[in-house]
PDB file of all heavy atoms in Angstrom:
ATOM      1  N   GLN A   1       0.823  -1.204   0.000  1.00  0.00           N
ATOM      2  CA  GLN A   1       0.000   0.000   0.000  1.00  0.00           C
ATOM      3  C   GLN A   1       0.862   1.261   0.000  1.00  0.00           C
ATOM      4  O   GLN A   1       0.484   2.263  -0.595  1.00  0.00           O
ATOM      5  CB  GLN A   1      -0.961  -0.023   1.176  1.00  0.00           C
ATOM      6  CG  GLN A   1      -2.043  -1.086   0.993  1.00  0.00           C
ATOM      7  CD  GLN A   1      -3.001  -1.168   2.157  1.00  0.00           C
ATOM      8  OE1 GLN A   1      -3.327  -0.163   2.757  1.00  0.00           O
ATOM      9  NE2 GLN A   1      -3.447  -2.368   2.470  1.00  0.00           N
ATOM     10  N   LEU A   2       2.028   1.200   0.622  1.00  0.00           N
ATOM     11  CA  LEU A   2       2.951   2.336   0.597  1.00  0.00           C
ATOM     12  C   LEU A   2       3.503   2.579  -0.810  1.00  0.00           C
ATOM     13  O   LEU A   2       3.946   3.680  -1.124  1.00  0.00           O
ATOM     14  CB  LEU A   2       4.109   2.105   1.575  1.00  0.00           C
ATOM     15  CG  LEU A   2       3.725   2.102   3.052  1.00  0.00           C
ATOM     16  CD1 LEU A   2       4.932   1.718   3.910  1.00  0.00           C
ATOM     17  CD2 LEU A   2       3.170   3.446   3.478  1.00  0.00           C
ATOM     18  N   LEU A   3       3.466   1.552  -1.659  1.00  0.00           N
ATOM     19  CA  LEU A   3       3.938   1.672  -3.043  1.00  0.00           C
ATOM     20  C   LEU A   3       2.857   2.180  -3.996  1.00  0.00           C
ATOM     21  O   LEU A   3       3.053   2.221  -5.194  1.00  0.00           O
ATOM     22  CB  LEU A   3       4.466   0.322  -3.543  1.00  0.00           C
ATOM     23  CG  LEU A   3       5.713  -0.193  -2.840  1.00  0.00           C
ATOM     24  CD1 LEU A   3       6.037  -1.613  -3.302  1.00  0.00           C
ATOM     25  CD2 LEU A   3       6.885   0.730  -3.110  1.00  0.00           C
ATOM     26  N   GLY A   4       1.690   2.527  -3.458  1.00  0.00           N
ATOM     27  CA  GLY A   4       0.641   3.100  -4.294  1.00  0.00           C
ATOM     28  C   GLY A   4      -0.472   2.148  -4.671  1.00  0.00           C
ATOM     29  O   GLY A   4      -1.260   2.434  -5.566  1.00  0.00           O
ATOM     30  N   TYR A   5      -0.556   1.014  -3.976  1.00  0.00           N
ATOM     31  CA  TYR A   5      -1.631   0.062  -4.234  1.00  0.00           C
ATOM     32  C   TYR A   5      -2.730   0.259  -3.198  1.00  0.00           C
ATOM     33  O   TYR A   5      -2.465   0.560  -2.044  1.00  0.00           O
ATOM     34  CB  TYR A   5      -1.111  -1.377  -4.159  1.00  0.00           C
ATOM     35  CG  TYR A   5      -0.190  -1.745  -5.294  1.00  0.00           C
ATOM     36  CD1 TYR A   5       1.151  -1.424  -5.245  1.00  0.00           C
ATOM     37  CD2 TYR A   5      -0.678  -2.396  -6.412  1.00  0.00           C
ATOM     38  CE1 TYR A   5       2.001  -1.752  -6.285  1.00  0.00           C
ATOM     39  CE2 TYR A   5       0.163  -2.730  -7.457  1.00  0.00           C
ATOM     40  CZ  TYR A   5       1.502  -2.409  -7.387  1.00  0.00           C
ATOM     41  OH  TYR A   5       2.327  -2.733  -8.420  1.00  0.00           O
ATOM     42  N   GLU A   6      -3.953   0.063  -3.630  1.00  0.00           N
ATOM     43  CA  GLU A   6      -5.116   0.234  -2.764  1.00  0.00           C
ATOM     44  C   GLU A   6      -5.730  -1.129  -2.481  1.00  0.00           C
ATOM     45  O   GLU A   6      -5.956  -1.917  -3.395  1.00  0.00           O
ATOM     46  CB  GLU A   6      -6.128   1.120  -3.502  1.00  0.00           C
ATOM     47  CG  GLU A   6      -7.428   1.322  -2.800  1.00  0.00           C
ATOM     48  CD  GLU A   6      -8.395   2.150  -3.630  1.00  0.00           C
ATOM     49  OE1 GLU A   6      -7.993   2.739  -4.646  1.00  0.00           O
ATOM     50  OE2 GLU A   6      -9.566   2.191  -3.255  1.00  0.00           O
ATOM     51  N   ASP A   7      -6.002  -1.411  -1.220  1.00  0.00           N
ATOM     52  CA  ASP A   7      -6.693  -2.646  -0.832  1.00  0.00           C
ATOM     53  C   ASP A   7      -8.170  -2.443  -1.148  1.00  0.00           C
ATOM     54  O   ASP A   7      -8.892  -1.780  -0.408  1.00  0.00           O
ATOM     55  CB  ASP A   7      -6.472  -2.918   0.646  1.00  0.00           C
ATOM     56  CG  ASP A   7      -7.151  -4.187   1.125  1.00  0.00           C
ATOM     57  OD1 ASP A   7      -7.844  -4.850   0.335  1.00  0.00           O
ATOM     58  OD2 ASP A   7      -6.984  -4.506   2.313  1.00  0.00           O
ATOM     59  N   ILE A   8      -8.612  -2.988  -2.251  1.00  0.00           N
ATOM     60  CA  ILE A   8      -9.966  -2.713  -2.740  1.00  0.00           C
ATOM     61  C   ILE A   8     -11.036  -3.331  -1.851  1.00  0.00           C
ATOM     62  O   ILE A   8     -12.072  -2.722  -1.606  1.00  0.00           O
ATOM     63  CB  ILE A   8     -10.123  -3.218  -4.192  1.00  0.00           C
ATOM     64  CG1 ILE A   8      -9.120  -2.492  -5.089  1.00  0.00           C
ATOM     65  CG2 ILE A   8     -11.539  -3.015  -4.693  1.00  0.00           C
ATOM     66  CD1 ILE A   8      -8.997  -3.085  -6.460  1.00  0.00           C
ATOM     67  N   LEU A   9     -10.811  -4.520  -1.355  1.00  0.00           N
ATOM     68  CA  LEU A   9     -11.841  -5.226  -0.598  1.00  0.00           C
ATOM     69  C   LEU A   9     -11.916  -4.808   0.862  1.00  0.00           C
ATOM     70  O   LEU A   9     -12.941  -4.981   1.505  1.00  0.00           O
ATOM     71  CB  LEU A   9     -11.603  -6.737  -0.675  1.00  0.00           C
ATOM     72  CG  LEU A   9     -11.586  -7.331  -2.079  1.00  0.00           C
ATOM     73  CD1 LEU A   9     -11.331  -8.821  -2.002  1.00  0.00           C
ATOM     74  CD2 LEU A   9     -12.867  -7.033  -2.816  1.00  0.00           C
ATOM     75  N   GLY A  10     -10.843  -4.274   1.398  1.00  0.00           N
ATOM     76  CA  GLY A  10     -10.814  -3.877   2.801  1.00  0.00           C
ATOM     77  C   GLY A  10     -10.132  -4.920   3.669  1.00  0.00           C
ATOM     78  O   GLY A  10      -9.916  -6.059   3.264  1.00  0.00           O
ATOM     79  N   LYS A  11      -9.805  -4.517   4.866  1.00  0.00           N
ATOM     80  CA  LYS A  11      -9.067  -5.353   5.800  1.00  0.00           C
ATOM     81  C   LYS A  11      -9.810  -6.662   6.088  1.00  0.00           C
ATOM     82  O   LYS A  11     -11.014  -6.653   6.346  1.00  0.00           O
ATOM     83  CB  LYS A  11      -8.826  -4.583   7.095  1.00  0.00           C
ATOM     84  CG  LYS A  11      -7.941  -5.286   8.068  1.00  0.00           C
ATOM     85  CD  LYS A  11      -7.655  -4.413   9.271  1.00  0.00           C
ATOM     86  CE  LYS A  11      -6.726  -5.150  10.216  1.00  0.00           C
ATOM     87  NZ  LYS A  11      -6.378  -4.358  11.373  1.00  0.00           N
ATOM     88  N   ASN A  12      -9.074  -7.754   6.056  1.00  0.00           N
ATOM     89  CA  ASN A  12      -9.572  -9.100   6.376  1.00  0.00           C
ATOM     90  C   ASN A  12     -10.702  -9.579   5.465  1.00  0.00           C
ATOM     91  O   ASN A  12     -11.460 -10.465   5.833  1.00  0.00           O
ATOM     92  CB  ASN A  12     -10.008  -9.193   7.840  1.00  0.00           C
ATOM     93  CG  ASN A  12      -8.858  -8.990   8.785  1.00  0.00           C
ATOM     94  OD1 ASN A  12      -7.722  -9.369   8.501  1.00  0.00           O
ATOM     95  ND2 ASN A  12      -9.121  -8.366   9.908  1.00  0.00           N
ATOM     96  N   ASN A  13     -10.851  -9.006   4.299  1.00  0.00           N
ATOM     97  CA  ASN A  13     -11.846  -9.464   3.332  1.00  0.00           C
ATOM     98  C   ASN A  13     -11.108 -10.116   2.172  1.00  0.00           C
ATOM     99  O   ASN A  13     -10.350  -9.461   1.465  1.00  0.00           O
ATOM    100  CB  ASN A  13     -12.704  -8.302   2.831  1.00  0.00           C
ATOM    101  CG  ASN A  13     -13.829  -8.758   1.926  1.00  0.00           C
ATOM    102  OD1 ASN A  13     -13.844  -9.878   1.444  1.00  0.00           O
ATOM    103  ND2 ASN A  13     -14.778  -7.879   1.689  1.00  0.00           N
ATOM    104  N   TYR A  14     -11.334 -11.407   1.998  1.00  0.00           N
ATOM    105  CA  TYR A  14     -10.659 -12.180   0.952  1.00  0.00           C
ATOM    106  C   TYR A  14     -11.671 -12.793  -0.015  1.00  0.00           C
ATOM    107  O   TYR A  14     -11.365 -13.740  -0.702  1.00  0.00           O
ATOM    108  CB  TYR A  14      -9.794 -13.282   1.589  1.00  0.00           C
ATOM    109  CG  TYR A  14      -8.711 -12.708   2.467  1.00  0.00           C
ATOM    110  CD1 TYR A  14      -8.926 -12.492   3.818  1.00  0.00           C
ATOM    111  CD2 TYR A  14      -7.485 -12.351   1.920  1.00  0.00           C
ATOM    112  CE1 TYR A  14      -7.938 -11.939   4.622  1.00  0.00           C
ATOM    113  CE2 TYR A  14      -6.492 -11.801   2.712  1.00  0.00           C
ATOM    114  CZ  TYR A  14      -6.724 -11.607   4.059  1.00  0.00           C
ATOM    115  OH  TYR A  14      -5.738 -11.059   4.839  1.00  0.00           O
ATOM    116  N   GLN A  15     -12.866 -12.251  -0.055  1.00  0.00           N
ATOM    117  CA  GLN A  15     -13.949 -12.802  -0.874  1.00  0.00           C
ATOM    118  C   GLN A  15     -14.096 -12.050  -2.193  1.00  0.00           C
ATOM    119  O   GLN A  15     -15.173 -11.594  -2.555  1.00  0.00           O
ATOM    120  CB  GLN A  15     -15.262 -12.767  -0.082  1.00  0.00           C
ATOM    121  CG  GLN A  15     -15.234 -13.576   1.185  1.00  0.00           C
ATOM    122  CD  GLN A  15     -14.988 -15.041   0.923  1.00  0.00           C
ATOM    123  OE1 GLN A  15     -15.538 -15.607  -0.018  1.00  0.00           O
ATOM    124  NE2 GLN A  15     -14.161 -15.667   1.722  1.00  0.00           N
ATOM    125  N   GLY A  16     -13.009 -11.910  -2.936  1.00  0.00           N
ATOM    126  CA  GLY A  16     -13.009 -11.163  -4.187  1.00  0.00           C
ATOM    127  C   GLY A  16     -14.017 -11.652  -5.204  1.00  0.00           C
ATOM    128  O   GLY A  16     -14.552 -10.871  -5.993  1.00  0.00           O
ATOM    129  N   GLN A  17     -14.314 -12.955  -5.189  1.00  0.00           N
ATOM    130  CA  GLN A  17     -15.264 -13.499  -6.153  1.00  0.00           C
ATOM    131  C   GLN A  17     -16.685 -13.005  -5.898  1.00  0.00           C
ATOM    132  O   GLN A  17     -17.545 -13.127  -6.758  1.00  0.00           O
ATOM    133  CB  GLN A  17     -15.222 -15.042  -6.156  1.00  0.00           C
ATOM    134  CG  GLN A  17     -15.782 -15.692  -4.925  1.00  0.00           C
ATOM    135  CD  GLN A  17     -14.801 -15.775  -3.755  1.00  0.00           C
ATOM    136  OE1 GLN A  17     -13.691 -15.269  -3.829  1.00  0.00           O
ATOM    137  NE2 GLN A  17     -15.220 -16.406  -2.667  1.00  0.00           N
ATOM    138  N   SER A  18     -16.927 -12.411  -4.749  1.00  0.00           N
ATOM    139  CA  SER A  18     -18.266 -11.927  -4.396  1.00  0.00           C
ATOM    140  C   SER A  18     -18.566 -10.528  -4.927  1.00  0.00           C
ATOM    141  O   SER A  18     -19.663 -10.026  -4.744  1.00  0.00           O
ATOM    142  CB  SER A  18     -18.431 -11.905  -2.875  1.00  0.00           C
ATOM    143  OG  SER A  18     -18.253 -13.195  -2.345  1.00  0.00           O
ATOM    144  N   TYR A  19     -17.584  -9.893  -5.585  1.00  0.00           N
ATOM    145  CA  TYR A  19     -17.732  -8.494  -5.982  1.00  0.00           C
ATOM    146  C   TYR A  19     -17.415  -8.249  -7.454  1.00  0.00           C
ATOM    147  O   TYR A  19     -16.578  -8.933  -8.038  1.00  0.00           O
ATOM    148  CB  TYR A  19     -16.763  -7.607  -5.175  1.00  0.00           C
ATOM    149  CG  TYR A  19     -16.990  -7.646  -3.692  1.00  0.00           C
ATOM    150  CD1 TYR A  19     -16.268  -8.512  -2.889  1.00  0.00           C
ATOM    151  CD2 TYR A  19     -17.932  -6.811  -3.101  1.00  0.00           C
ATOM    152  CE1 TYR A  19     -16.477  -8.547  -1.519  1.00  0.00           C
ATOM    153  CE2 TYR A  19     -18.142  -6.839  -1.730  1.00  0.00           C
ATOM    154  CZ  TYR A  19     -17.409  -7.716  -0.951  1.00  0.00           C
ATOM    155  OH  TYR A  19     -17.626  -7.744   0.403  1.00  0.00           O
ATOM    156  N   TYR A  20     -18.082  -7.229  -7.994  1.00  0.00           N
ATOM    157  CA  TYR A  20     -17.633  -6.601  -9.227  1.00  0.00           C
ATOM    158  C   TYR A  20     -16.589  -5.582  -8.791  1.00  0.00           C
ATOM    159  O   TYR A  20     -16.791  -4.887  -7.797  1.00  0.00           O
ATOM    160  CB  TYR A  20     -18.758  -5.844  -9.925  1.00  0.00           C
ATOM    161  CG  TYR A  20     -19.930  -6.673 -10.359  1.00  0.00           C
ATOM    162  CD1 TYR A  20     -21.113  -6.659  -9.626  1.00  0.00           C
ATOM    163  CD2 TYR A  20     -19.872  -7.444 -11.518  1.00  0.00           C
ATOM    164  CE1 TYR A  20     -22.208  -7.400 -10.034  1.00  0.00           C
ATOM    165  CE2 TYR A  20     -20.961  -8.195 -11.925  1.00  0.00           C
ATOM    166  CZ  TYR A  20     -22.121  -8.169 -11.182  1.00  0.00           C
ATOM    167  OH  TYR A  20     -23.199  -8.895 -11.580  1.00  0.00           O
ATOM    168  N   ILE A  21     -15.489  -5.463  -9.508  1.00  0.00           N
ATOM    169  CA  ILE A  21     -14.509  -4.424  -9.227  1.00  0.00           C
ATOM    170  C   ILE A  21     -14.485  -3.492 -10.423  1.00  0.00           C
ATOM    171  O   ILE A  21     -14.342  -3.935 -11.568  1.00  0.00           O
ATOM    172  CB  ILE A  21     -13.108  -5.010  -8.942  1.00  0.00           C
ATOM    173  CG1 ILE A  21     -13.156  -5.868  -7.670  1.00  0.00           C
ATOM    174  CG2 ILE A  21     -12.087  -3.882  -8.783  1.00  0.00           C
ATOM    175  CD1 ILE A  21     -11.840  -6.519  -7.309  1.00  0.00           C
ATOM    176  N   ILE A  22     -14.660  -2.213 -10.144  1.00  0.00           N
ATOM    177  CA  ILE A  22     -14.690  -1.209 -11.198  1.00  0.00           C
ATOM    178  C   ILE A  22     -13.625  -0.152 -10.915  1.00  0.00           C
ATOM    179  O   ILE A  22     -13.135  -0.034  -9.785  1.00  0.00           O
ATOM    180  CB  ILE A  22     -16.092  -0.569 -11.318  1.00  0.00           C
ATOM    181  CG1 ILE A  22     -16.540   0.021  -9.977  1.00  0.00           C
ATOM    182  CG2 ILE A  22     -17.103  -1.577 -11.826  1.00  0.00           C
ATOM    183  CD1 ILE A  22     -17.879   0.729 -10.017  1.00  0.00           C
ATOM    184  N   ARG A  23     -13.270   0.596 -11.955  1.00  0.00           N
ATOM    185  CA  ARG A  23     -12.287   1.665 -11.793  1.00  0.00           C
ATOM    186  C   ARG A  23     -12.693   2.875 -12.613  1.00  0.00           C
ATOM    187  O   ARG A  23     -13.478   2.773 -13.545  1.00  0.00           O
ATOM    188  CB  ARG A  23     -10.890   1.196 -12.208  1.00  0.00           C
ATOM    189  CG  ARG A  23     -10.754   1.037 -13.706  1.00  0.00           C
ATOM    190  CD  ARG A  23      -9.363   0.649 -14.112  1.00  0.00           C
ATOM    191  NE  ARG A  23      -9.280   0.643 -15.570  1.00  0.00           N
ATOM    192  CZ  ARG A  23      -8.226   0.269 -16.243  1.00  0.00           C
ATOM    193  NH1 ARG A  23      -7.146  -0.151 -15.614  1.00  0.00           N
ATOM    194  NH2 ARG A  23      -8.233   0.309 -17.553  1.00  0.00           N
ATOM    195  N   ARG A  24     -12.107   4.012 -12.224  1.00  0.00           N
ATOM    196  CA  ARG A  24     -12.356   5.256 -12.944  1.00  0.00           C
ATOM    197  C   ARG A  24     -11.059   6.049 -12.953  1.00  0.00           C
ATOM    198  O   ARG A  24     -10.363   6.141 -11.945  1.00  0.00           O
ATOM    199  CB  ARG A  24     -13.452   6.042 -12.262  1.00  0.00           C
ATOM    200  CG  ARG A  24     -13.754   7.367 -12.925  1.00  0.00           C
ATOM    201  CD  ARG A  24     -14.866   8.068 -12.213  1.00  0.00           C
ATOM    202  NE  ARG A  24     -14.515   8.243 -10.815  1.00  0.00           N
ATOM    203  CZ  ARG A  24     -14.787   9.327 -10.095  1.00  0.00           C
ATOM    204  NH1 ARG A  24     -15.459  10.310 -10.626  1.00  0.00           N
ATOM    205  NH2 ARG A  24     -14.424   9.418  -8.843  1.00  0.00           N
ATOM    206  N   LYS A  25     -10.738   6.631 -14.093  1.00  0.00           N
ATOM    207  CA  LYS A  25      -9.551   7.468 -14.221  1.00  0.00           C
ATOM    208  C   LYS A  25      -9.886   8.862 -13.729  1.00  0.00           C
ATOM    209  O   LYS A  25     -10.914   9.428 -14.083  1.00  0.00           O
ATOM    210  CB  LYS A  25      -9.111   7.505 -15.691  1.00  0.00           C
ATOM    211  CG  LYS A  25      -7.927   8.390 -15.971  1.00  0.00           C
ATOM    212  CD  LYS A  25      -6.687   7.567 -16.083  1.00  0.00           C
ATOM    213  CE  LYS A  25      -5.558   8.423 -16.643  1.00  0.00           C
ATOM    214  NZ  LYS A  25      -4.439   8.505 -15.784  1.00  0.00           N
ATOM    215  N   THR A  26      -9.006   9.406 -12.888  1.00  0.00           N
ATOM    216  CA  THR A  26      -9.157  10.775 -12.409  1.00  0.00           C
ATOM    217  C   THR A  26      -7.897  11.544 -12.774  1.00  0.00           C
ATOM    218  O   THR A  26      -6.954  10.978 -13.318  1.00  0.00           O
ATOM    219  CB  THR A  26      -9.358  10.823 -10.875  1.00  0.00           C
ATOM    220  OG1 THR A  26      -8.155  10.384 -10.242  1.00  0.00           O
ATOM    221  CG2 THR A  26     -10.520   9.955 -10.438  1.00  0.00           C
ATOM    222  N   GLU A  27      -7.852  12.802 -12.429  1.00  0.00           N
ATOM    223  CA  GLU A  27      -6.666  13.605 -12.741  1.00  0.00           C
ATOM    224  C   GLU A  27      -5.459  13.182 -11.916  1.00  0.00           C
ATOM    225  O   GLU A  27      -4.332  13.479 -12.268  1.00  0.00           O
ATOM    226  CB  GLU A  27      -6.958  15.090 -12.519  1.00  0.00           C
ATOM    227  CG  GLU A  27      -7.354  15.428 -11.102  1.00  0.00           C
ATOM    228  CD  GLU A  27      -7.817  16.861 -10.958  1.00  0.00           C
ATOM    229  OE1 GLU A  27      -8.628  17.311 -11.776  1.00  0.00           O
ATOM    230  OE2 GLU A  27      -7.365  17.520 -10.004  1.00  0.00           O
ATOM    231  N   HIS A  28      -5.682  12.442 -10.827  1.00  0.00           N
ATOM    232  CA  HIS A  28      -4.588  12.010  -9.956  1.00  0.00           C
ATOM    233  C   HIS A  28      -4.262  10.526 -10.099  1.00  0.00           C
ATOM    234  O   HIS A  28      -3.464  10.010  -9.329  1.00  0.00           O
ATOM    235  CB  HIS A  28      -4.931  12.299  -8.499  1.00  0.00           C
ATOM    236  CG  HIS A  28      -5.214  13.743  -8.242  1.00  0.00           C
ATOM    237  ND1 HIS A  28      -4.256  14.719  -8.332  1.00  0.00           N
ATOM    238  CD2 HIS A  28      -6.357  14.382  -7.918  1.00  0.00           C
ATOM    239  CE1 HIS A  28      -4.789  15.892  -8.068  1.00  0.00           C
ATOM    240  NE2 HIS A  28      -6.071  15.723  -7.817  1.00  0.00           N
ATOM    241  N   GLY A  29      -4.887   9.834 -11.022  1.00  0.00           N
ATOM    242  CA  GLY A  29      -4.657   8.398 -11.198  1.00  0.00           C
ATOM    243  C   GLY A  29      -5.978   7.657 -11.267  1.00  0.00           C
ATOM    244  O   GLY A  29      -6.967   8.186 -11.755  1.00  0.00           O
ATOM    245  N   TYR A  30      -5.991   6.439 -10.742  1.00  0.00           N
ATOM    246  CA  TYR A  30      -7.189   5.614 -10.788  1.00  0.00           C
ATOM    247  C   TYR A  30      -7.811   5.464  -9.407  1.00  0.00           C
ATOM    248  O   TYR A  30      -7.112   5.439  -8.398  1.00  0.00           O
ATOM    249  CB  TYR A  30      -6.861   4.221 -11.330  1.00  0.00           C
ATOM    250  CG  TYR A  30      -6.626   4.206 -12.816  1.00  0.00           C
ATOM    251  CD1 TYR A  30      -5.355   4.406 -13.340  1.00  0.00           C
ATOM    252  CD2 TYR A  30      -7.670   3.990 -13.702  1.00  0.00           C
ATOM    253  CE1 TYR A  30      -5.133   4.406 -14.702  1.00  0.00           C
ATOM    254  CE2 TYR A  30      -7.459   3.979 -15.069  1.00  0.00           C
ATOM    255  CZ  TYR A  30      -6.196   4.187 -15.556  1.00  0.00           C
ATOM    256  OH  TYR A  30      -5.985   4.185 -16.906  1.00  0.00           O
ATOM    257  N   VAL A  31      -9.126   5.348  -9.386  1.00  0.00           N
ATOM    258  CA  VAL A  31      -9.893   5.091  -8.177  1.00  0.00           C
ATOM    259  C   VAL A  31     -10.627   3.776  -8.403  1.00  0.00           C
ATOM    260  O   VAL A  31     -11.170   3.543  -9.487  1.00  0.00           O
ATOM    261  CB  VAL A  31     -10.912   6.224  -7.915  1.00  0.00           C
ATOM    262  CG1 VAL A  31     -11.759   5.922  -6.703  1.00  0.00           C
ATOM    263  CG2 VAL A  31     -10.207   7.550  -7.770  1.00  0.00           C
ATOM    264  N   PHE A  32     -10.651   2.916  -7.391  1.00  0.00           N
ATOM    265  CA  PHE A  32     -11.307   1.617  -7.483  1.00  0.00           C
ATOM    266  C   PHE A  32     -12.491   1.563  -6.539  1.00  0.00           C
ATOM    267  O   PHE A  32     -12.517   2.234  -5.513  1.00  0.00           O
ATOM    268  CB  PHE A  32     -10.324   0.501  -7.114  1.00  0.00           C
ATOM    269  CG  PHE A  32      -9.194   0.360  -8.087  1.00  0.00           C
ATOM    270  CD1 PHE A  32      -8.027   1.085  -7.910  1.00  0.00           C
ATOM    271  CD2 PHE A  32      -9.290  -0.477  -9.171  1.00  0.00           C
ATOM    272  CE1 PHE A  32      -6.974   0.971  -8.803  1.00  0.00           C
ATOM    273  CE2 PHE A  32      -8.246  -0.603 -10.065  1.00  0.00           C
ATOM    274  CZ  PHE A  32      -7.084   0.125  -9.882  1.00  0.00           C
ATOM    275  N   LYS A  33     -13.460   0.724  -6.906  1.00  0.00           N
ATOM    276  CA  LYS A  33     -14.654   0.546  -6.093  1.00  0.00           C
ATOM    277  C   LYS A  33     -15.119  -0.887  -6.275  1.00  0.00           C
ATOM    278  O   LYS A  33     -14.914  -1.483  -7.321  1.00  0.00           O
ATOM    279  CB  LYS A  33     -15.735   1.526  -6.560  1.00  0.00           C
ATOM    280  CG  LYS A  33     -16.967   1.569  -5.692  1.00  0.00           C
ATOM    281  CD  LYS A  33     -17.947   2.605  -6.200  1.00  0.00           C
ATOM    282  CE  LYS A  33     -17.593   3.992  -5.797  1.00  0.00           C
ATOM    283  NZ  LYS A  33     -17.793   4.337  -4.404  1.00  0.00           N
ATOM    284  N   LYS A  34     -15.760  -1.430  -5.251  1.00  0.00           N
ATOM    285  CA  LYS A  34     -16.353  -2.760  -5.333  1.00  0.00           C
ATOM    286  C   LYS A  34     -17.855  -2.639  -5.138  1.00  0.00           C
ATOM    287  O   LYS A  34     -18.325  -1.723  -4.459  1.00  0.00           O
ATOM    288  CB  LYS A  34     -15.761  -3.687  -4.280  1.00  0.00           C
ATOM    289  CG  LYS A  34     -16.130  -3.271  -2.876  1.00  0.00           C
ATOM    290  CD  LYS A  34     -15.575  -4.187  -1.819  1.00  0.00           C
ATOM    291  CE  LYS A  34     -16.080  -3.682  -0.480  1.00  0.00           C
ATOM    292  NZ  LYS A  34     -15.480  -4.218   0.647  1.00  0.00           N
ATOM    293  N   THR A  35     -18.592  -3.543  -5.734  1.00  0.00           N
ATOM    294  CA  THR A  35     -20.034  -3.586  -5.523  1.00  0.00           C
ATOM    295  C   THR A  35     -20.524  -5.013  -5.763  1.00  0.00           C
ATOM    296  O   THR A  35     -19.915  -5.771  -6.514  1.00  0.00           O
ATOM    297  CB  THR A  35     -20.795  -2.595  -6.437  1.00  0.00           C
ATOM    298  OG1 THR A  35     -22.188  -2.642  -6.101  1.00  0.00           O
ATOM    299  CG2 THR A  35     -20.626  -2.910  -7.902  1.00  0.00           C
ATOM    300  N   THR A  36     -21.610  -5.366  -5.112  1.00  0.00           N
ATOM    301  CA  THR A  36     -22.213  -6.680  -5.328  1.00  0.00           C
ATOM    302  C   THR A  36     -23.490  -6.556  -6.161  1.00  0.00           C
ATOM    303  O   THR A  36     -24.026  -7.546  -6.622  1.00  0.00           O
ATOM    304  CB  THR A  36     -22.579  -7.348  -3.986  1.00  0.00           C
ATOM    305  OG1 THR A  36     -23.445  -6.483  -3.255  1.00  0.00           O
ATOM    306  CG2 THR A  36     -21.335  -7.645  -3.168  1.00  0.00           C
ATOM    307  N   SER A  37     -23.948  -5.347  -6.363  1.00  0.00           N
ATOM    308  CA  SER A  37     -25.234  -5.091  -7.000  1.00  0.00           C
ATOM    309  C   SER A  37     -25.105  -4.888  -8.512  1.00  0.00           C
ATOM    310  O   SER A  37     -24.344  -4.030  -8.971  1.00  0.00           O
ATOM    311  CB  SER A  37     -25.875  -3.849  -6.375  1.00  0.00           C
ATOM    312  OG  SER A  37     -26.947  -3.393  -7.147  1.00  0.00           O
ATOM    313  N   LYS A  38     -25.863  -5.642  -9.277  1.00  0.00           N
ATOM    314  CA  LYS A  38     -25.909  -5.487 -10.733  1.00  0.00           C
ATOM    315  C   LYS A  38     -26.492  -4.115 -11.109  1.00  0.00           C
ATOM    316  O   LYS A  38     -26.055  -3.490 -12.061  1.00  0.00           O
ATOM    317  CB  LYS A  38     -26.741  -6.617 -11.343  1.00  0.00           C
ATOM    318  CG  LYS A  38     -26.749  -6.674 -12.832  1.00  0.00           C
ATOM    319  CD  LYS A  38     -25.512  -7.352 -13.331  1.00  0.00           C
ATOM    320  CE  LYS A  38     -25.669  -7.729 -14.790  1.00  0.00           C
ATOM    321  NZ  LYS A  38     -24.467  -8.312 -15.328  1.00  0.00           N
ATOM    322  N   VAL A  39     -27.471  -3.643 -10.339  1.00  0.00           N
ATOM    323  CA  VAL A  39     -28.094  -2.339 -10.591  1.00  0.00           C
ATOM    324  C   VAL A  39     -27.068  -1.222 -10.401  1.00  0.00           C
ATOM    325  O   VAL A  39     -26.947  -0.316 -11.232  1.00  0.00           O
ATOM    326  CB  VAL A  39     -29.326  -2.128  -9.677  1.00  0.00           C
ATOM    327  CG1 VAL A  39     -29.874  -0.725  -9.811  1.00  0.00           C
ATOM    328  CG2 VAL A  39     -30.395  -3.164  -9.988  1.00  0.00           C
ATOM    329  N   LYS A  40     -26.310  -1.269  -9.297  1.00  0.00           N
ATOM    330  CA  LYS A  40     -25.279  -0.258  -9.057  1.00  0.00           C
ATOM    331  C   LYS A  40     -24.198  -0.328 -10.119  1.00  0.00           C
ATOM    332  O   LYS A  40     -23.689   0.702 -10.566  1.00  0.00           O
ATOM    333  CB  LYS A  40     -24.660  -0.433  -7.675  1.00  0.00           C
ATOM    334  CG  LYS A  40     -25.548   0.020  -6.549  1.00  0.00           C
ATOM    335  CD  LYS A  40     -24.828  -0.117  -5.220  1.00  0.00           C
ATOM    336  CE  LYS A  40     -25.715   0.286  -4.066  1.00  0.00           C
ATOM    337  NZ  LYS A  40     -25.028   0.108  -2.776  1.00  0.00           N
ATOM    338  N   LEU A  41     -23.831  -1.550 -10.518  1.00  0.00           N
ATOM    339  CA  LEU A  41     -22.822  -1.716 -11.563  1.00  0.00           C
ATOM    340  C   LEU A  41     -23.270  -1.018 -12.840  1.00  0.00           C
ATOM    341  O   LEU A  41     -22.497  -0.247 -13.439  1.00  0.00           O
ATOM    342  CB  LEU A  41     -22.561  -3.198 -11.838  1.00  0.00           C
ATOM    343  CG  LEU A  41     -21.651  -3.483 -13.038  1.00  0.00           C
ATOM    344  CD1 LEU A  41     -20.231  -3.007 -12.766  1.00  0.00           C
ATOM    345  CD2 LEU A  41     -21.664  -4.962 -13.361  1.00  0.00           C
ATOM    346  N   LYS A  42     -24.492  -1.238 -13.264  1.00  0.00           N
ATOM    347  CA  LYS A  42     -25.005  -0.595 -14.480  1.00  0.00           C
ATOM    348  C   LYS A  42     -24.967   0.928 -14.356  1.00  0.00           C
ATOM    349  O   LYS A  42     -24.605   1.629 -15.299  1.00  0.00           O
ATOM    350  CB  LYS A  42     -26.433  -1.064 -14.771  1.00  0.00           C
ATOM    351  CG  LYS A  42     -26.502  -2.476 -15.283  1.00  0.00           C
ATOM    352  CD  LYS A  42     -27.939  -2.882 -15.570  1.00  0.00           C
ATOM    353  CE  LYS A  42     -28.006  -4.311 -16.047  1.00  0.00           C
ATOM    354  NZ  LYS A  42     -29.374  -4.732 -16.333  1.00  0.00           N
TER     355      LYS A  42
END
């Protein structure tokens, strides 16, 4: 994380298969978000 990586799922969460992972480019780099909802994903 000190090297510029973001823990997308959060502390002690290893259930990556349970989430959609999305990203967005900003002026400062990329921002990541997770969601389980198909409606929110759309």
